[in-house]
Amino acid sequence: MTMNHFKGKQFQQDVIIV
């Protein structure tokens, strides 16, 4: 659960930066 949440948050942040 924590891994999924962290991965989703990091992925979203990456998209925002791009």
PDB file of N, CA and C in Angstrom:
ATOM      1  N   MET A   1       0.856  -1.193   0.000  1.00  0.00           N
ATOM      2  CA  MET A   1       0.000   0.000   0.000  1.00  0.00           C
ATOM      3  C   MET A   1       0.901   1.257   0.000  1.00  0.00           C
ATOM      4  N   THR A   2       1.855   1.287   0.890  1.00  0.00           N
ATOM      5  CA  THR A   2       2.724   2.476   0.957  1.00  0.00           C
ATOM      6  C   THR A   2       3.491   2.641  -0.351  1.00  0.00           C
ATOM      7  N   MET A   3       3.984   1.525  -0.884  1.00  0.00           N
ATOM      8  CA  MET A   3       4.765   1.594  -2.128  1.00  0.00           C
ATOM      9  C   MET A   3       3.896   2.159  -3.259  1.00  0.00           C
ATOM     10  N   ASN A   4       2.659   1.672  -3.341  1.00  0.00           N
ATOM     11  CA  ASN A   4       1.763   2.129  -4.411  1.00  0.00           C
ATOM     12  C   ASN A   4       1.510   3.623  -4.258  1.00  0.00           C
ATOM     13  N   HIS A   5       1.268   4.061  -3.057  1.00  0.00           N
ATOM     14  CA  HIS A   5       0.968   5.482  -2.817  1.00  0.00           C
ATOM     15  C   HIS A   5       2.197   6.336  -3.172  1.00  0.00           C
ATOM     16  N   PHE A   6       3.368   5.873  -2.732  1.00  0.00           N
ATOM     17  CA  PHE A   6       4.596   6.635  -3.005  1.00  0.00           C
ATOM     18  C   PHE A   6       4.862   6.685  -4.511  1.00  0.00           C
ATOM     19  N   LYS A   7       4.714   5.540  -5.169  1.00  0.00           N
ATOM     20  CA  LYS A   7       4.964   5.482  -6.618  1.00  0.00           C
ATOM     21  C   LYS A   7       3.994   6.420  -7.343  1.00  0.00           C
ATOM     22  N   GLY A   8       2.737   6.368  -6.963  1.00  0.00           N
ATOM     23  CA  GLY A   8       1.728   7.213  -7.624  1.00  0.00           C
ATOM     24  C   GLY A   8       2.055   8.684  -7.413  1.00  0.00           C
ATOM     25  N   LYS A   9       2.476   9.035  -6.203  1.00  0.00           N
ATOM     26  CA  LYS A   9       2.774  10.446  -5.926  1.00  0.00           C
ATOM     27  C   LYS A   9       4.001  10.880  -6.736  1.00  0.00           C
ATOM     28  N   GLN A  10       5.035  10.067  -6.744  1.00  0.00           N
ATOM     29  CA  GLN A  10       6.261  10.420  -7.473  1.00  0.00           C
ATOM     30  C   GLN A  10       5.960  10.539  -8.965  1.00  0.00           C
ATOM     31  N   PHE A  11       5.159   9.611  -9.481  1.00  0.00           N
ATOM     32  CA  PHE A  11       4.830   9.630 -10.917  1.00  0.00           C
ATOM     33  C   PHE A  11       4.075  10.908 -11.259  1.00  0.00           C
ATOM     34  N   GLN A  12       3.116  11.269 -10.412  1.00  0.00           N
ATOM     35  CA  GLN A  12       2.323  12.479 -10.670  1.00  0.00           C
ATOM     36  C   GLN A  12       3.242  13.705 -10.652  1.00  0.00           C
ATOM     37  N   GLN A  13       4.140  13.769  -9.693  1.00  0.00           N
ATOM     38  CA  GLN A  13       5.043  14.919  -9.597  1.00  0.00           C
ATOM     39  C   GLN A  13       5.909  14.996 -10.858  1.00  0.00           C
ATOM     40  N   ASP A  14       6.384  13.858 -11.320  1.00  0.00           N
ATOM     41  CA  ASP A  14       7.212  13.819 -12.522  1.00  0.00           C
ATOM     42  C   ASP A  14       6.440  14.401 -13.704  1.00  0.00           C
ATOM     43  N   VAL A  15       5.184  14.029 -13.808  1.00  0.00           N
ATOM     44  CA  VAL A  15       4.362  14.516 -14.922  1.00  0.00           C
ATOM     45  C   VAL A  15       4.206  16.032 -14.834  1.00  0.00           C
ATOM     46  N   ILE A  16       4.024  16.534 -13.626  1.00  0.00           N
ATOM     47  CA  ILE A  16       3.838  17.986 -13.457  1.00  0.00           C
ATOM     48  C   ILE A  16       5.111  18.718 -13.895  1.00  0.00           C
ATOM     49  N   ILE A  17       6.267  18.162 -13.536  1.00  0.00           N
ATOM     50  CA  ILE A  17       7.537  18.811 -13.896  1.00  0.00           C
ATOM     51  C   ILE A  17       7.668  18.853 -15.419  1.00  0.00           C
ATOM     52  N   VAL A  18       7.290  17.760 -16.052  1.00  0.00           N
ATOM     53  CA  VAL A  18       7.411  17.703 -17.519  1.00  0.00           C
ATOM     54  C   VAL A  18       6.356  18.628 -18.104  1.00  0.00           C
TER      55      VAL A  18
END
